[in-house]
Amino acid sequence: MDTNEKSDKVGQRKIIAGFVAIAVSCVVLTLIPSVRSQLTALLNPPNRTILAKITGFFSNEQIQFLILKIKSQNGLQIEVFEVDSKTSTQTFKQKFDLSEDSDAYVTIDKNTTSLALQDVDHDGNLDIVAPSVDRNGNLRLNAFRYNSDLKLFEVYQAKAD
């Protein structure tokens, strides 16, 4: 064996040792839960799917809002954005978390929808209606009413008679 062959074999062993060290390091790092979750988020970014989108004007000031029903790996969310009428820019205002729920549909005025604006509490103002289904298969009719004093939406709770 001449020196060129020996140096080639030594070089190959160093390369193999480097790959083995990298593989062992990766295995050790994935055993740490915090590192594993960061790697998962990096390699598999969370999916967000817009299921429904509506816009409407609320209060006497006619403030325009864009409302989205979004499905992610955590479940459903309702996201509310205020729309500037002059520039059409959208500013995030609030989020309602319906995690653990799945998407559902409701029929309003002979139209089936998964997100609607309807006067649920009969106060003359539109409310957000977002049906969902819980883990047990129970239908939930989530309603959110606009509070003009706070300029935000709040969960609507029907009053018991």
C-alpha atoms as a PDB file:
ATOM      1  CA  MET A   1       0.000   0.000   0.000  1.00  0.00           C
ATOM      2  CA  ASP A   2       1.429   3.343  -0.902  1.00  0.00           C
ATOM      3  CA  THR A   3       0.944   6.612   0.975  1.00  0.00           C
ATOM      4  CA  ASN A   4      -1.800   7.850  -1.362  1.00  0.00           C
ATOM      5  CA  GLU A   5      -3.982   4.825  -0.602  1.00  0.00           C
ATOM      6  CA  LYS A   6      -3.358   5.201   3.148  1.00  0.00           C
ATOM      7  CA  SER A   7      -4.263   8.879   3.100  1.00  0.00           C
ATOM      8  CA  ASP A   8      -7.415   8.079   1.062  1.00  0.00           C
ATOM      9  CA  LYS A   9      -8.495   5.473   3.646  1.00  0.00           C
ATOM     10  CA  VAL A  10      -7.770   7.873   6.518  1.00  0.00           C
ATOM     11  CA  GLY A  11      -9.793  10.577   4.721  1.00  0.00           C
ATOM     12  CA  GLN A  12     -12.702   8.195   4.181  1.00  0.00           C
ATOM     13  CA  ARG A  13     -12.631   7.181   7.864  1.00  0.00           C
ATOM     14  CA  LYS A  14     -12.700  10.846   8.905  1.00  0.00           C
ATOM     15  CA  ILE A  15     -15.691  11.494   6.648  1.00  0.00           C
ATOM     16  CA  ILE A  16     -17.535   8.441   8.004  1.00  0.00           C
ATOM     17  CA  ALA A  17     -16.694   9.456  11.587  1.00  0.00           C
ATOM     18  CA  GLY A  18     -18.033  12.953  10.865  1.00  0.00           C
ATOM     19  CA  PHE A  19     -21.317  11.555   9.530  1.00  0.00           C
ATOM     20  CA  VAL A  20     -21.644   9.237  12.541  1.00  0.00           C
ATOM     21  CA  ALA A  21     -21.025  12.183  14.895  1.00  0.00           C
ATOM     22  CA  ILE A  22     -23.678  14.248  13.134  1.00  0.00           C
ATOM     23  CA  ALA A  23     -26.183  11.365  13.271  1.00  0.00           C
ATOM     24  CA  VAL A  24     -25.557  10.763  16.982  1.00  0.00           C
ATOM     25  CA  SER A  25     -25.901  14.503  17.671  1.00  0.00           C
ATOM     26  CA  CYS A  26     -29.234  14.598  15.836  1.00  0.00           C
ATOM     27  CA  VAL A  27     -30.539  11.610  17.786  1.00  0.00           C
ATOM     28  CA  VAL A  28     -29.490  13.144  21.111  1.00  0.00           C
ATOM     29  CA  LEU A  29     -31.040  16.520  20.229  1.00  0.00           C
ATOM     30  CA  THR A  30     -34.363  14.962  19.229  1.00  0.00           C
ATOM     31  CA  LEU A  31     -34.577  13.301  22.639  1.00  0.00           C
ATOM     32  CA  ILE A  32     -34.876  16.739  24.279  1.00  0.00           C
ATOM     33  CA  PRO A  33     -38.584  17.732  24.115  1.00  0.00           C
ATOM     34  CA  SER A  34     -38.035  21.495  23.720  1.00  0.00           C
ATOM     35  CA  VAL A  35     -35.545  20.994  20.893  1.00  0.00           C
ATOM     36  CA  ARG A  36     -37.811  18.412  19.255  1.00  0.00           C
ATOM     37  CA  SER A  37     -40.800  20.804  19.274  1.00  0.00           C
ATOM     38  CA  GLN A  38     -38.694  23.603  17.771  1.00  0.00           C
ATOM     39  CA  LEU A  39     -37.379  21.267  15.077  1.00  0.00           C
ATOM     40  CA  THR A  40     -40.914  20.069  14.343  1.00  0.00           C
ATOM     41  CA  ALA A  41     -42.148  23.646  13.993  1.00  0.00           C
ATOM     42  CA  LEU A  42     -39.198  24.456  11.739  1.00  0.00           C
ATOM     43  CA  LEU A  43     -39.561  21.410   9.480  1.00  0.00           C
ATOM     44  CA  ASN A  44     -43.365  21.220   9.571  1.00  0.00           C
ATOM     45  CA  PRO A  45     -44.820  24.727   9.948  1.00  0.00           C
ATOM     46  CA  PRO A  46     -48.351  24.908  11.359  1.00  0.00           C
ATOM     47  CA  ASN A  47     -51.045  24.811   8.714  1.00  0.00           C
ATOM     48  CA  ARG A  48     -53.758  27.440   8.788  1.00  0.00           C
ATOM     49  CA  THR A  49     -56.717  27.118   6.483  1.00  0.00           C
ATOM     50  CA  ILE A  50     -59.308  29.850   6.058  1.00  0.00           C
ATOM     51  CA  LEU A  51     -62.676  28.095   6.149  1.00  0.00           C
ATOM     52  CA  ALA A  52     -64.892  31.168   5.843  1.00  0.00           C
ATOM     53  CA  LYS A  53     -64.610  34.926   5.466  1.00  0.00           C
ATOM     54  CA  ILE A  54     -67.178  37.668   5.946  1.00  0.00           C
ATOM     55  CA  THR A  55     -67.147  41.426   6.278  1.00  0.00           C
ATOM     56  CA  GLY A  56     -69.661  43.681   7.929  1.00  0.00           C
ATOM     57  CA  PHE A  57     -70.266  47.119   9.349  1.00  0.00           C
ATOM     58  CA  PHE A  58     -70.957  47.503  13.066  1.00  0.00           C
ATOM     59  CA  SER A  59     -72.182  50.236  15.448  1.00  0.00           C
ATOM     60  CA  ASN A  60     -73.518  53.670  14.580  1.00  0.00           C
ATOM     61  CA  GLU A  61     -69.998  54.627  13.459  1.00  0.00           C
ATOM     62  CA  GLN A  62     -70.184  51.981  10.706  1.00  0.00           C
ATOM     63  CA  ILE A  63     -66.835  50.394  11.597  1.00  0.00           C
ATOM     64  CA  GLN A  64     -65.977  47.691   9.061  1.00  0.00           C
ATOM     65  CA  PHE A  65     -64.652  44.337  10.278  1.00  0.00           C
ATOM     66  CA  LEU A  66     -63.261  41.335   8.439  1.00  0.00           C
ATOM     67  CA  ILE A  67     -64.061  38.085  10.247  1.00  0.00           C
ATOM     68  CA  LEU A  68     -62.249  34.824   9.445  1.00  0.00           C
ATOM     69  CA  LYS A  69     -62.982  31.283  10.571  1.00  0.00           C
ATOM     70  CA  ILE A  70     -59.654  29.464  10.577  1.00  0.00           C
ATOM     71  CA  LYS A  71     -58.752  25.824  11.042  1.00  0.00           C
ATOM     72  CA  SER A  72     -55.299  24.984  12.377  1.00  0.00           C
ATOM     73  CA  GLN A  73     -53.727  21.974  14.058  1.00  0.00           C
ATOM     74  CA  ASN A  74     -55.124  23.301  17.374  1.00  0.00           C
ATOM     75  CA  GLY A  75     -58.725  23.472  16.188  1.00  0.00           C
ATOM     76  CA  LEU A  76     -60.854  26.422  15.146  1.00  0.00           C
ATOM     77  CA  GLN A  77     -60.331  30.123  15.704  1.00  0.00           C
ATOM     78  CA  ILE A  78     -62.392  33.173  14.878  1.00  0.00           C
ATOM     79  CA  GLU A  79     -60.141  36.114  14.026  1.00  0.00           C
ATOM     80  CA  VAL A  80     -61.430  39.672  13.778  1.00  0.00           C
ATOM     81  CA  PHE A  81     -59.703  42.457  11.834  1.00  0.00           C
ATOM     82  CA  GLU A  82     -60.752  46.087  11.636  1.00  0.00           C
ATOM     83  CA  VAL A  83     -60.683  47.434   8.075  1.00  0.00           C
ATOM     84  CA  ASP A  84     -59.687  51.055   7.526  1.00  0.00           C
ATOM     85  CA  SER A  85     -62.194  52.382   4.996  1.00  0.00           C
ATOM     86  CA  LYS A  86     -59.733  54.890   3.511  1.00  0.00           C
ATOM     87  CA  THR A  87     -56.691  52.667   3.016  1.00  0.00           C
ATOM     88  CA  SER A  88     -58.304  49.193   3.157  1.00  0.00           C
ATOM     89  CA  THR A  89     -55.599  48.115   5.627  1.00  0.00           C
ATOM     90  CA  GLN A  90     -56.570  45.409   8.077  1.00  0.00           C
ATOM     91  CA  THR A  91     -55.635  45.609  11.755  1.00  0.00           C
ATOM     92  CA  PHE A  92     -55.889  42.515  13.938  1.00  0.00           C
ATOM     93  CA  LYS A  93     -58.334  43.185  16.795  1.00  0.00           C
ATOM     94  CA  GLN A  94     -59.069  39.927  18.557  1.00  0.00           C
ATOM     95  CA  LYS A  95     -59.239  36.159  18.399  1.00  0.00           C
ATOM     96  CA  PHE A  96     -61.748  33.664  19.780  1.00  0.00           C
ATOM     97  CA  ASP A  97     -60.297  30.227  20.389  1.00  0.00           C
ATOM     98  CA  LEU A  98     -62.593  27.300  19.595  1.00  0.00           C
ATOM     99  CA  SER A  99     -59.849  24.704  19.976  1.00  0.00           C
ATOM    100  CA  GLU A 100     -61.024  21.168  20.426  1.00  0.00           C
ATOM    101  CA  ASP A 101     -63.930  21.927  18.045  1.00  0.00           C
ATOM    102  CA  SER A 102     -64.443  20.978  14.410  1.00  0.00           C
ATOM    103  CA  ASP A 103     -66.113  22.976  11.670  1.00  0.00           C
ATOM    104  CA  ALA A 104     -69.886  22.819  11.273  1.00  0.00           C
ATOM    105  CA  TYR A 105     -72.594  24.429   9.173  1.00  0.00           C
ATOM    106  CA  VAL A 106     -75.883  26.076   9.959  1.00  0.00           C
ATOM    107  CA  THR A 107     -78.771  27.073   7.689  1.00  0.00           C
ATOM    108  CA  ILE A 108     -79.750  30.735   7.892  1.00  0.00           C
ATOM    109  CA  ASP A 109     -82.382  32.153   5.542  1.00  0.00           C
ATOM    110  CA  LYS A 110     -82.245  28.966   3.427  1.00  0.00           C
ATOM    111  CA  ASN A 111     -78.444  29.267   2.975  1.00  0.00           C
ATOM    112  CA  THR A 112     -75.986  26.833   4.526  1.00  0.00           C
ATOM    113  CA  THR A 113     -72.882  28.498   5.932  1.00  0.00           C
ATOM    114  CA  SER A 114     -70.131  27.986   8.485  1.00  0.00           C
ATOM    115  CA  LEU A 115     -69.831  31.704   9.347  1.00  0.00           C
ATOM    116  CA  ALA A 116     -72.554  34.330   9.228  1.00  0.00           C
ATOM    117  CA  LEU A 117     -73.744  37.717  10.413  1.00  0.00           C
ATOM    118  CA  GLN A 118     -77.187  37.543  11.972  1.00  0.00           C
ATOM    119  CA  ASP A 119     -79.070  39.487  14.666  1.00  0.00           C
ATOM    120  CA  VAL A 120     -79.126  36.654  17.222  1.00  0.00           C
ATOM    121  CA  ASP A 121     -80.108  38.722  20.272  1.00  0.00           C
ATOM    122  CA  HIS A 122     -82.730  40.814  18.387  1.00  0.00           C
ATOM    123  CA  ASP A 123     -81.174  44.153  19.398  1.00  0.00           C
ATOM    124  CA  GLY A 124     -81.055  45.511  15.858  1.00  0.00           C
ATOM    125  CA  ASN A 125     -77.297  44.882  15.472  1.00  0.00           C
ATOM    126  CA  LEU A 126     -75.572  42.081  13.604  1.00  0.00           C
ATOM    127  CA  ASP A 127     -73.788  39.350  15.568  1.00  0.00           C
ATOM    128  CA  ILE A 128     -71.170  36.847  14.417  1.00  0.00           C
ATOM    129  CA  VAL A 129     -72.490  33.284  14.212  1.00  0.00           C
ATOM    130  CA  ALA A 130     -69.884  30.513  13.986  1.00  0.00           C
ATOM    131  CA  PRO A 131     -71.207  26.961  14.384  1.00  0.00           C
ATOM    132  CA  SER A 132     -68.892  24.179  15.521  1.00  0.00           C
ATOM    133  CA  VAL A 133     -69.025  20.591  16.746  1.00  0.00           C
ATOM    134  CA  ASP A 134     -67.340  19.490  19.975  1.00  0.00           C
ATOM    135  CA  ARG A 135     -65.532  16.175  20.543  1.00  0.00           C
ATOM    136  CA  ASN A 136     -68.773  14.459  21.537  1.00  0.00           C
ATOM    137  CA  GLY A 137     -70.541  15.474  18.338  1.00  0.00           C
ATOM    138  CA  ASN A 138     -72.632  18.187  20.009  1.00  0.00           C
ATOM    139  CA  LEU A 139     -73.415  21.188  17.828  1.00  0.00           C
ATOM    140  CA  ARG A 140     -72.389  24.552  19.294  1.00  0.00           C
ATOM    141  CA  LEU A 141     -73.797  27.773  17.956  1.00  0.00           C
ATOM    142  CA  ASN A 142     -71.067  30.229  18.942  1.00  0.00           C
ATOM    143  CA  ALA A 143     -72.288  33.824  18.813  1.00  0.00           C
ATOM    144  CA  PHE A 144     -70.291  37.002  19.339  1.00  0.00           C
ATOM    145  CA  ARG A 145     -71.918  40.412  19.750  1.00  0.00           C
ATOM    146  CA  TYR A 146     -70.321  43.764  19.132  1.00  0.00           C
ATOM    147  CA  ASN A 147     -69.850  45.958  22.206  1.00  0.00           C
ATOM    148  CA  SER A 148     -69.798  49.528  20.856  1.00  0.00           C
ATOM    149  CA  ASP A 149     -68.465  50.912  24.158  1.00  0.00           C
ATOM    150  CA  LEU A 150     -65.377  48.682  24.027  1.00  0.00           C
ATOM    151  CA  LYS A 151     -65.271  48.599  20.208  1.00  0.00           C
ATOM    152  CA  LEU A 152     -64.700  44.843  20.498  1.00  0.00           C
ATOM    153  CA  PHE A 153     -66.686  41.655  20.151  1.00  0.00           C
ATOM    154  CA  GLU A 154     -67.688  39.552  23.144  1.00  0.00           C
ATOM    155  CA  VAL A 155     -69.116  36.091  23.582  1.00  0.00           C
ATOM    156  CA  TYR A 156     -72.902  36.239  23.526  1.00  0.00           C
ATOM    157  CA  GLN A 157     -74.610  34.299  26.289  1.00  0.00           C
ATOM    158  CA  ALA A 158     -78.359  33.850  25.868  1.00  0.00           C
ATOM    159  CA  LYS A 159     -80.252  34.899  28.978  1.00  0.00           C
ATOM    160  CA  ALA A 160     -82.219  32.157  30.697  1.00  0.00           C
ATOM    161  CA  ASP A 161     -85.928  32.958  31.085  1.00  0.00           C
END
